Amino acid sequence: MTYDKELIGNHDFLLSVIEEAPYGIIAIDLLGNITIANNQSLELLGIEKSVDELSGLKILEVISEID
């Protein structure tokens, strides 16, 4: 297996673990941009966007929109 294939496999595994976790997970970068989120986090926070729509948004902007 090449290094690239192994890296892609590890990335896919990590994403599946995050999505299947029984609790909400949101990861942000140093600038406050959402890089990863799972559906459980959206449900817990009452966010009405999809996980894909959150990617790249500022966490503070998303939180300020929560009622």
N, C-alpha and C. Protein backbone atom coordinates (compact mmCIF):
# COMPACT_ATOMS: atom_id res chain seq x y z
N MET A 1 0.86 -1.18 0.00
CA MET A 1 0.00 0.00 0.00
C MET A 1 0.90 1.24 0.00
N THR A 2 0.57 2.18 -0.83
CA THR A 2 1.37 3.40 -0.89
C THR A 2 0.99 4.32 0.26
N TYR A 3 1.85 5.25 0.53
CA TYR A 3 1.63 6.19 1.62
C TYR A 3 0.34 6.99 1.40
N ASP A 4 0.09 7.43 0.16
CA ASP A 4 -1.11 8.21 -0.14
C ASP A 4 -2.38 7.42 0.12
N LYS A 5 -2.41 6.17 -0.31
CA LYS A 5 -3.59 5.33 -0.08
C LYS A 5 -3.81 5.10 1.41
N GLU A 6 -2.73 4.90 2.14
CA GLU A 6 -2.84 4.70 3.57
C GLU A 6 -3.36 5.96 4.25
N LEU A 7 -2.88 7.11 3.83
CA LEU A 7 -3.33 8.38 4.39
C LEU A 7 -4.82 8.59 4.12
N ILE A 8 -5.24 8.32 2.90
CA ILE A 8 -6.67 8.46 2.55
C ILE A 8 -7.50 7.48 3.37
N GLY A 9 -7.03 6.26 3.54
CA GLY A 9 -7.73 5.28 4.34
C GLY A 9 -7.86 5.72 5.79
N ASN A 10 -6.80 6.28 6.34
CA ASN A 10 -6.84 6.77 7.72
C ASN A 10 -7.81 7.94 7.85
N HIS A 11 -7.81 8.83 6.88
CA HIS A 11 -8.72 9.98 6.89
C HIS A 11 -10.16 9.52 6.85
N ASP A 12 -10.47 8.59 5.96
CA ASP A 12 -11.83 8.06 5.85
C ASP A 12 -12.26 7.37 7.14
N PHE A 13 -11.34 6.62 7.75
CA PHE A 13 -11.65 5.95 9.02
C PHE A 13 -11.95 6.97 10.10
N LEU A 14 -11.14 8.01 10.19
CA LEU A 14 -11.34 9.06 11.19
C LEU A 14 -12.70 9.72 11.01
N LEU A 15 -13.06 10.05 9.77
CA LEU A 15 -14.35 10.67 9.52
C LEU A 15 -15.51 9.76 9.90
N SER A 16 -15.37 8.46 9.65
CA SER A 16 -16.45 7.53 10.01
C SER A 16 -16.57 7.40 11.52
N VAL A 17 -15.47 7.42 12.24
CA VAL A 17 -15.51 7.37 13.70
C VAL A 17 -16.20 8.61 14.25
N ILE A 18 -15.87 9.77 13.72
CA ILE A 18 -16.48 11.02 14.17
C ILE A 18 -17.98 11.01 13.90
N GLU A 19 -18.37 10.57 12.72
CA GLU A 19 -19.79 10.57 12.37
C GLU A 19 -20.59 9.57 13.21
N GLU A 20 -20.00 8.45 13.55
CA GLU A 20 -20.72 7.43 14.31
C GLU A 20 -20.64 7.62 15.82
N ALA A 21 -19.88 8.59 16.27
CA ALA A 21 -19.75 8.84 17.72
C ALA A 21 -21.12 9.20 18.30
N PRO A 22 -21.41 8.72 19.50
CA PRO A 22 -22.72 8.99 20.11
C PRO A 22 -22.82 10.37 20.75
N TYR A 23 -21.87 11.23 20.50
CA TYR A 23 -21.87 12.58 21.06
C TYR A 23 -21.46 13.57 19.98
N GLY A 24 -21.74 14.83 20.21
CA GLY A 24 -21.45 15.85 19.21
C GLY A 24 -19.97 16.21 19.17
N ILE A 25 -19.46 16.33 17.97
CA ILE A 25 -18.06 16.71 17.77
C ILE A 25 -18.01 17.83 16.73
N ILE A 26 -17.34 18.92 17.10
CA ILE A 26 -17.05 20.00 16.16
C ILE A 26 -15.57 20.33 16.32
N ALA A 27 -14.83 20.29 15.21
CA ALA A 27 -13.41 20.66 15.23
C ALA A 27 -13.26 21.99 14.51
N ILE A 28 -12.40 22.83 15.06
CA ILE A 28 -12.14 24.13 14.44
C ILE A 28 -10.63 24.31 14.26
N ASP A 29 -10.25 25.15 13.30
CA ASP A 29 -8.83 25.44 13.11
C ASP A 29 -8.44 26.65 13.97
N LEU A 30 -7.21 27.08 13.85
CA LEU A 30 -6.71 28.18 14.68
C LEU A 30 -7.40 29.51 14.41
N LEU A 31 -8.05 29.62 13.26
CA LEU A 31 -8.75 30.86 12.91
C LEU A 31 -10.23 30.84 13.29
N GLY A 32 -10.68 29.72 13.90
CA GLY A 32 -12.07 29.61 14.31
C GLY A 32 -13.00 29.09 13.24
N ASN A 33 -12.44 28.56 12.15
CA ASN A 33 -13.25 27.98 11.09
C ASN A 33 -13.59 26.53 11.42
N ILE A 34 -14.81 26.14 11.18
CA ILE A 34 -15.22 24.76 11.41
C ILE A 34 -14.59 23.89 10.33
N THR A 35 -13.89 22.85 10.75
CA THR A 35 -13.26 21.94 9.80
C THR A 35 -13.99 20.61 9.73
N ILE A 36 -14.54 20.16 10.84
CA ILE A 36 -15.26 18.89 10.91
C ILE A 36 -16.40 19.05 11.92
N ALA A 37 -17.54 18.49 11.60
CA ALA A 37 -18.66 18.43 12.54
C ALA A 37 -19.44 17.17 12.24
N ASN A 38 -20.16 16.65 13.23
CA ASN A 38 -21.01 15.50 12.96
C ASN A 38 -22.47 15.87 13.20
N ASN A 39 -23.35 15.02 12.74
CA ASN A 39 -24.79 15.30 12.84
C ASN A 39 -25.27 15.40 14.28
N GLN A 40 -24.65 14.66 15.20
CA GLN A 40 -25.03 14.73 16.59
C GLN A 40 -24.81 16.13 17.17
N SER A 41 -23.74 16.79 16.75
CA SER A 41 -23.48 18.15 17.24
C SER A 41 -24.55 19.11 16.73
N LEU A 42 -24.98 18.92 15.50
CA LEU A 42 -26.02 19.78 14.95
C LEU A 42 -27.33 19.60 15.72
N GLU A 43 -27.65 18.36 16.02
CA GLU A 43 -28.88 18.07 16.75
C GLU A 43 -28.83 18.63 18.17
N LEU A 44 -27.71 18.43 18.85
CA LEU A 44 -27.57 18.91 20.23
C LEU A 44 -27.67 20.43 20.33
N LEU A 45 -27.11 21.12 19.34
CA LEU A 45 -27.10 22.58 19.37
C LEU A 45 -28.30 23.21 18.65
N GLY A 46 -29.11 22.38 18.01
CA GLY A 46 -30.27 22.91 17.30
C GLY A 46 -29.91 23.68 16.04
N ILE A 47 -28.82 23.29 15.40
CA ILE A 47 -28.37 23.96 14.18
C ILE A 47 -29.13 23.36 13.00
N GLU A 48 -29.70 24.22 12.18
CA GLU A 48 -30.52 23.77 11.07
C GLU A 48 -29.78 23.78 9.74
N LYS A 49 -28.49 23.57 9.78
CA LYS A 49 -27.68 23.47 8.56
C LYS A 49 -27.13 22.05 8.48
N SER A 50 -26.67 21.68 7.30
CA SER A 50 -26.04 20.38 7.15
C SER A 50 -24.57 20.47 7.57
N VAL A 51 -23.99 19.31 7.79
CA VAL A 51 -22.56 19.26 8.14
C VAL A 51 -21.74 19.92 7.03
N ASP A 52 -22.09 19.66 5.78
CA ASP A 52 -21.34 20.24 4.66
C ASP A 52 -21.46 21.76 4.63
N GLU A 53 -22.62 22.29 5.00
CA GLU A 53 -22.81 23.75 5.02
C GLU A 53 -21.98 24.42 6.11
N LEU A 54 -21.69 23.71 7.18
CA LEU A 54 -20.92 24.28 8.29
C LEU A 54 -19.43 24.40 7.97
N SER A 55 -18.93 23.52 7.14
CA SER A 55 -17.51 23.49 6.86
C SER A 55 -17.02 24.83 6.33
N GLY A 56 -16.05 25.40 7.02
CA GLY A 56 -15.47 26.69 6.62
C GLY A 56 -16.09 27.89 7.28
N LEU A 57 -17.25 27.72 7.92
CA LEU A 57 -17.88 28.85 8.61
C LEU A 57 -17.17 29.12 9.93
N LYS A 58 -17.26 30.34 10.42
CA LYS A 58 -16.70 30.70 11.71
C LYS A 58 -17.59 30.15 12.82
N ILE A 59 -16.99 29.49 13.79
CA ILE A 59 -17.75 28.89 14.89
C ILE A 59 -18.53 29.96 15.66
N LEU A 60 -17.95 31.13 15.85
CA LEU A 60 -18.66 32.18 16.61
C LEU A 60 -19.88 32.67 15.87
N GLU A 61 -19.84 32.73 14.54
CA GLU A 61 -21.00 33.12 13.77
C GLU A 61 -22.11 32.07 13.88
N VAL A 62 -21.73 30.81 13.81
CA VAL A 62 -22.71 29.73 13.91
C VAL A 62 -23.37 29.72 15.28
N ILE A 63 -22.57 29.89 16.33
CA ILE A 63 -23.11 29.87 17.69
C ILE A 63 -24.02 31.08 17.91
N SER A 64 -23.68 32.22 17.35
CA SER A 64 -24.50 33.42 17.57
C SER A 64 -25.87 33.28 16.91
N GLU A 65 -26.01 32.38 15.92
CA GLU A 65 -27.29 32.18 15.24
C GLU A 65 -28.21 31.21 16.00
N ILE A 66 -27.67 30.52 17.02
CA ILE A 66 -28.48 29.58 17.77
C ILE A 66 -29.43 30.35 18.68
N ASP A 67 -30.71 29.95 18.64
CA ASP A 67 -31.71 30.65 19.47
C ASP A 67 -31.50 30.40 20.93
